[in-house]
C-alpha atoms as a PDB file:
ATOM      1  CA  MET A   1      17.557 -44.091 -12.964  1.00  0.00           C
ATOM      2  CA  TRP A   2      14.981 -42.952 -10.414  1.00  0.00           C
ATOM      3  CA  GLU A   3      15.030 -39.376 -12.198  1.00  0.00           C
ATOM      4  CA  VAL A   4      14.469 -40.525 -15.953  1.00  0.00           C
ATOM      5  CA  GLU A   5      11.045 -42.272 -14.556  1.00  0.00           C
ATOM      6  CA  GLU A   6       9.697 -39.289 -12.832  1.00  0.00           C
ATOM      7  CA  VAL A   7      10.315 -37.101 -15.839  1.00  0.00           C
ATOM      8  CA  GLU A   8       8.882 -39.290 -17.889  1.00  0.00           C
ATOM      9  CA  VAL A   9       5.586 -39.216 -15.664  1.00  0.00           C
ATOM     10  CA  VAL A  10       5.853 -35.681 -15.350  1.00  0.00           C
ATOM     11  CA  GLU A  11       5.619 -35.406 -19.208  1.00  0.00           C
ATOM     12  CA  LEU A  12       2.808 -37.802 -19.724  1.00  0.00           C
ATOM     13  CA  GLU A  13       0.631 -35.989 -17.339  1.00  0.00           C
ATOM     14  CA  SER A  14       1.613 -32.595 -19.443  1.00  0.00           C
ATOM     15  CA  ASP A  15       0.604 -34.333 -22.692  1.00  0.00           C
ATOM     16  CA  LEU A  16      -2.774 -35.747 -21.172  1.00  0.00           C
ATOM     17  CA  TYR A  17      -3.085 -32.208 -19.882  1.00  0.00           C
ATOM     18  CA  ARG A  18      -2.592 -30.792 -23.480  1.00  0.00           C
ATOM     19  CA  ASP A  19      -4.704 -33.467 -24.877  1.00  0.00           C
ATOM     20  CA  GLY A  20      -7.399 -32.499 -22.668  1.00  0.00           C
ATOM     21  CA  GLN A  21      -7.642 -28.618 -23.477  1.00  0.00           C
ATOM     22  CA  SER A  22      -7.584 -29.503 -27.129  1.00  0.00           C
ATOM     23  CA  LEU A  23     -10.637 -31.684 -26.781  1.00  0.00           C
ATOM     24  CA  PHE A  24     -12.045 -28.529 -24.613  1.00  0.00           C
ATOM     25  CA  PHE A  25     -11.333 -26.504 -27.379  1.00  0.00           C
ATOM     26  CA  GLU A  26     -12.713 -29.054 -29.767  1.00  0.00           C
ATOM     27  CA  GLY A  27     -16.131 -29.119 -27.893  1.00  0.00           C
ATOM     28  CA  SER A  28     -15.077 -32.786 -26.888  1.00  0.00           C
ATOM     29  CA  TYR A  29     -16.516 -31.649 -23.100  1.00  0.00           C
ATOM     30  CA  GLU A  30     -17.294 -35.116 -21.790  1.00  0.00           C
ATOM     31  CA  GLU A  31     -13.775 -36.677 -22.806  1.00  0.00           C
ATOM     32  CA  ALA A  32     -11.940 -33.638 -21.490  1.00  0.00           C
ATOM     33  CA  LYS A  33     -13.269 -34.345 -18.624  1.00  0.00           C
ATOM     34  CA  LYS A  34     -12.152 -37.721 -18.056  1.00  0.00           C
ATOM     35  CA  ILE A  35      -8.599 -36.615 -18.459  1.00  0.00           C
ATOM     36  CA  PHE A  36      -8.983 -33.500 -16.050  1.00  0.00           C
ATOM     37  CA  ALA A  37     -10.708 -35.656 -13.638  1.00  0.00           C
ATOM     38  CA  HIS A  38      -7.971 -38.627 -14.078  1.00  0.00           C
ATOM     39  CA  LEU A  39      -5.366 -35.354 -13.370  1.00  0.00           C
ATOM     40  CA  GLU A  40      -6.903 -34.088 -10.507  1.00  0.00           C
ATOM     41  CA  GLU A  41      -6.968 -37.651  -9.132  1.00  0.00           C
ATOM     42  CA  ALA A  42      -3.338 -38.181  -9.662  1.00  0.00           C
ATOM     43  CA  GLU A  43      -2.527 -34.574  -8.524  1.00  0.00           C
ATOM     44  CA  GLN A  44      -4.921 -32.157  -6.699  1.00  0.00           C
ATOM     45  CA  HIS A  45      -3.843 -29.191  -8.440  1.00  0.00           C
ATOM     46  CA  PRO A  46      -5.791 -26.013  -9.401  1.00  0.00           C
ATOM     47  CA  ASN A  47      -5.705 -25.988 -13.034  1.00  0.00           C
ATOM     48  CA  HIS A  48      -6.650 -29.689 -13.085  1.00  0.00           C
ATOM     49  CA  GLY A  49      -9.576 -28.599 -11.031  1.00  0.00           C
ATOM     50  CA  MET A  50     -10.596 -25.642 -13.158  1.00  0.00           C
ATOM     51  CA  TRP A  51     -10.449 -27.540 -16.556  1.00  0.00           C
ATOM     52  CA  PHE A  52     -12.847 -30.122 -14.737  1.00  0.00           C
ATOM     53  CA  ALA A  53     -15.014 -27.899 -13.604  1.00  0.00           C
ATOM     54  CA  ARG A  54     -14.931 -25.718 -17.122  1.00  0.00           C
ATOM     55  CA  CYS A  55     -15.593 -29.364 -18.639  1.00  0.00           C
ATOM     56  CA  GLN A  56     -18.780 -29.558 -16.007  1.00  0.00           C
ATOM     57  CA  PHE A  57     -20.103 -26.232 -16.852  1.00  0.00           C
ATOM     58  CA  ALA A  58     -19.947 -26.607 -20.805  1.00  0.00           C
ATOM     59  CA  LEU A  59     -21.853 -29.598 -20.044  1.00  0.00           C
ATOM     60  CA  GLY A  60     -24.182 -27.755 -18.185  1.00  0.00           C
ATOM     61  CA  GLU A  61     -23.641 -29.988 -14.937  1.00  0.00           C
ATOM     62  CA  PHE A  62     -24.540 -27.198 -12.799  1.00  0.00           C
ATOM     63  CA  ASP A  63     -25.614 -28.805  -9.578  1.00  0.00           C
ATOM     64  CA  GLU A  64     -21.917 -31.008  -9.427  1.00  0.00           C
ATOM     65  CA  LEU A  65     -19.973 -27.855 -10.081  1.00  0.00           C
ATOM     66  CA  GLU A  66     -18.385 -26.199  -7.007  1.00  0.00           C
ATOM     67  CA  ILE A  67     -15.382 -24.572  -6.128  1.00  0.00           C
ATOM     68  CA  PRO A  68     -13.420 -26.626  -3.521  1.00  0.00           C
ATOM     69  CA  ASP A  69     -12.885 -25.056  -0.414  1.00  0.00           C
ATOM     70  CA  TRP A  70      -9.127 -25.922  -0.326  1.00  0.00           C
ATOM     71  CA  ILE A  71      -8.613 -23.350  -3.288  1.00  0.00           C
ATOM     72  CA  ILE A  72     -10.692 -20.854  -1.361  1.00  0.00           C
ATOM     73  CA  GLU A  73      -8.875 -21.244   1.782  1.00  0.00           C
ATOM     74  CA  ASP A  74      -5.311 -21.542   0.235  1.00  0.00           C
ATOM     75  CA  GLY A  75      -5.903 -18.362  -1.368  1.00  0.00           C
ATOM     76  CA  ARG A  76      -5.621 -19.638  -4.786  1.00  0.00           C
ATOM     77  CA  LEU A  77      -9.314 -18.705  -6.093  1.00  0.00           C
ATOM     78  CA  SER A  78      -8.609 -17.327  -9.632  1.00  0.00           C
ATOM     79  CA  ASP A  79     -11.138 -15.345 -11.279  1.00  0.00           C
ATOM     80  CA  GLY A  80     -12.004 -17.753 -13.377  1.00  0.00           C
ATOM     81  CA  TRP A  81     -12.875 -20.499 -10.946  1.00  0.00           C
ATOM     82  CA  LEU A  82     -15.169 -17.147  -9.386  1.00  0.00           C
ATOM     83  CA  LEU A  83     -16.744 -16.870 -12.353  1.00  0.00           C
ATOM     84  CA  MET A  84     -17.908 -20.159 -12.811  1.00  0.00           C
ATOM     85  CA  GLY A  85     -19.176 -20.612  -9.720  1.00  0.00           C
ATOM     86  CA  ILE A  86     -20.920 -17.228  -9.695  1.00  0.00           C
ATOM     87  CA  PHE A  87     -22.516 -18.302 -13.290  1.00  0.00           C
ATOM     88  CA  ALA A  88     -23.272 -22.104 -11.830  1.00  0.00           C
ATOM     89  CA  ALA A  89     -25.212 -20.859  -8.713  1.00  0.00           C
ATOM     90  CA  GLY A  90     -26.973 -17.932 -10.961  1.00  0.00           C
ATOM     91  CA  ILE A  91     -28.366 -20.770 -13.353  1.00  0.00           C
ATOM     92  CA  ARG A  92     -29.494 -23.159 -10.571  1.00  0.00           C
ATOM     93  CA  GLY A  93     -30.955 -20.161  -8.639  1.00  0.00           C
ATOM     94  CA  ASP A  94     -28.860 -20.732  -5.468  1.00  0.00           C
ATOM     95  CA  ARG A  95     -28.940 -17.112  -4.369  1.00  0.00           C
ATOM     96  CA  GLU A  96     -27.279 -18.451  -0.666  1.00  0.00           C
ATOM     97  CA  GLU A  97     -24.191 -19.754  -2.615  1.00  0.00           C
ATOM     98  CA  LEU A  98     -24.204 -16.715  -5.074  1.00  0.00           C
ATOM     99  CA  ASN A  99     -24.039 -14.189  -2.370  1.00  0.00           C
ATOM    100  CA  ARG A 100     -21.349 -16.198  -0.703  1.00  0.00           C
ATOM    101  CA  LEU A 101     -18.937 -16.261  -3.934  1.00  0.00           C
ATOM    102  CA  LEU A 102     -19.918 -12.444  -5.025  1.00  0.00           C
ATOM    103  CA  GLU A 103     -18.349 -11.369  -1.136  1.00  0.00           C
ATOM    104  CA  ILE A 104     -15.053 -13.117  -2.104  1.00  0.00           C
ATOM    105  CA  SER A 105     -13.798 -10.680  -4.508  1.00  0.00           C
ATOM    106  CA  GLU A 106     -15.217  -7.088  -5.134  1.00  0.00           C
ATOM    107  CA  LYS A 107     -13.151  -6.538  -8.075  1.00  0.00           C
ATOM    108  CA  VAL A 108     -14.974  -9.544  -9.686  1.00  0.00           C
ATOM    109  CA  SER A 109     -18.584  -9.245  -8.442  1.00  0.00           C
ATOM    110  CA  LYS A 110     -18.443  -5.615  -9.512  1.00  0.00           C
ATOM    111  CA  SER A 111     -17.334  -6.550 -13.028  1.00  0.00           C
ATOM    112  CA  LYS A 112     -19.554  -6.099 -16.157  1.00  0.00           C
ATOM    113  CA  ARG A 113     -19.212  -9.078 -16.944  1.00  0.00           C
ATOM    114  CA  VAL A 114     -20.897 -10.672 -13.558  1.00  0.00           C
ATOM    115  CA  SER A 115     -23.392  -7.388 -13.575  1.00  0.00           C
ATOM    116  CA  VAL A 116     -24.569  -8.447 -17.198  1.00  0.00           C
ATOM    117  CA  PHE A 117     -25.218 -12.228 -16.154  1.00  0.00           C
ATOM    118  CA  LEU A 118     -27.038 -11.347 -13.037  1.00  0.00           C
ATOM    119  CA  GLU A 119     -29.433  -9.016 -14.907  1.00  0.00           C
ATOM    120  CA  ALA A 120     -29.879 -11.944 -17.732  1.00  0.00           C
ATOM    121  CA  THR A 121     -30.573 -14.759 -14.678  1.00  0.00           C
ATOM    122  CA  ASN A 122     -33.031 -12.263 -13.141  1.00  0.00           C
ATOM    123  CA  MET A 123     -30.861 -12.177 -10.012  1.00  0.00           C
ATOM    124  CA  GLU A 124     -30.319  -8.944  -9.951  1.00  0.00           C
ATOM    125  CA  PRO A 125     -33.080  -5.962 -11.400  1.00  0.00           C
ATOM    126  CA  GLU A 126     -32.544  -5.027 -14.861  1.00  0.00           C
ATOM    127  CA  THR A 127     -30.841  -1.576 -15.909  1.00  0.00           C
ATOM    128  CA  LYS A 128     -31.414  -1.208 -19.400  1.00  0.00           C
ATOM    129  CA  THR A 129     -27.993   0.046 -19.764  1.00  0.00           C
ATOM    130  CA  ASN A 130     -26.866  -3.626 -20.650  1.00  0.00           C
ATOM    131  CA  ALA A 131     -29.598  -4.689 -22.726  1.00  0.00           C
ATOM    132  CA  GLN A 132     -27.706  -6.208 -25.939  1.00  0.00           C
ATOM    133  CA  ALA A 133     -25.585  -7.867 -23.659  1.00  0.00           C
ATOM    134  CA  VAL A 134     -28.144  -9.556 -21.282  1.00  0.00           C
ATOM    135  CA  ASN A 135     -30.088 -10.755 -24.275  1.00  0.00           C
ATOM    136  CA  VAL A 136     -26.876 -12.162 -25.439  1.00  0.00           C
ATOM    137  CA  VAL A 137     -26.617 -14.127 -21.933  1.00  0.00           C
ATOM    138  CA  ARG A 138     -30.124 -15.072 -21.951  1.00  0.00           C
ATOM    139  CA  ARG A 139     -29.575 -16.621 -25.392  1.00  0.00           C
ATOM    140  CA  TYR A 140     -26.749 -18.523 -24.788  1.00  0.00           C
ATOM    141  CA  VAL A 141     -28.141 -19.856 -21.550  1.00  0.00           C
ATOM    142  CA  ARG A 142     -31.830 -20.774 -23.447  1.00  0.00           C
ATOM    143  CA  LYS A 143     -29.481 -22.568 -26.311  1.00  0.00           C
ATOM    144  CA  LYS A 144     -27.559 -24.286 -23.593  1.00  0.00           C
ATOM    145  CA  GLN A 145     -24.565 -22.860 -25.305  1.00  0.00           C
ATOM    146  CA  TYR A 146     -22.889 -22.586 -21.696  1.00  0.00           C
ATOM    147  CA  VAL A 147     -19.473 -22.824 -22.825  1.00  0.00           C
ATOM    148  CA  LYS A 148     -19.951 -19.204 -24.537  1.00  0.00           C
ATOM    149  CA  LEU A 149     -20.976 -17.850 -20.960  1.00  0.00           C
ATOM    150  CA  LEU A 150     -17.175 -18.427 -20.048  1.00  0.00           C
ATOM    151  CA  ARG A 151     -16.196 -15.987 -22.960  1.00  0.00           C
ATOM    152  CA  ILE A 152     -18.283 -13.031 -22.317  1.00  0.00           C
END
């Protein structure tokens, strides 16, 4: 009997996770954020936290968005987490946090996505080689279309 109850709980959380993702992709970031906050509170799992952070990012809540130290310390820091952290720090103008995050992964920090973003947010001097992409990123930031930054 105990095993059946445990399976039902896992199934329910799995359904919530899918519901949260669906809401996110529909653009209902606030509703999705509530679901992922609940899931993260119930079970501290990197995926729950990452989706919660994506919702914060999409909503422009950059001051609240942070990469939990336990994820960095456990070595569970994915490129997605790192990109969100770098982008949020850049938009906030937090050069200290930006530098800390850039030092974590050379693969990410040297990527074209990060290079274009840093130029677009004036954290790095413009090179003109990425001019079109830089203008696209600037437009996304100006129009507060932050979720699109996660797709560049």
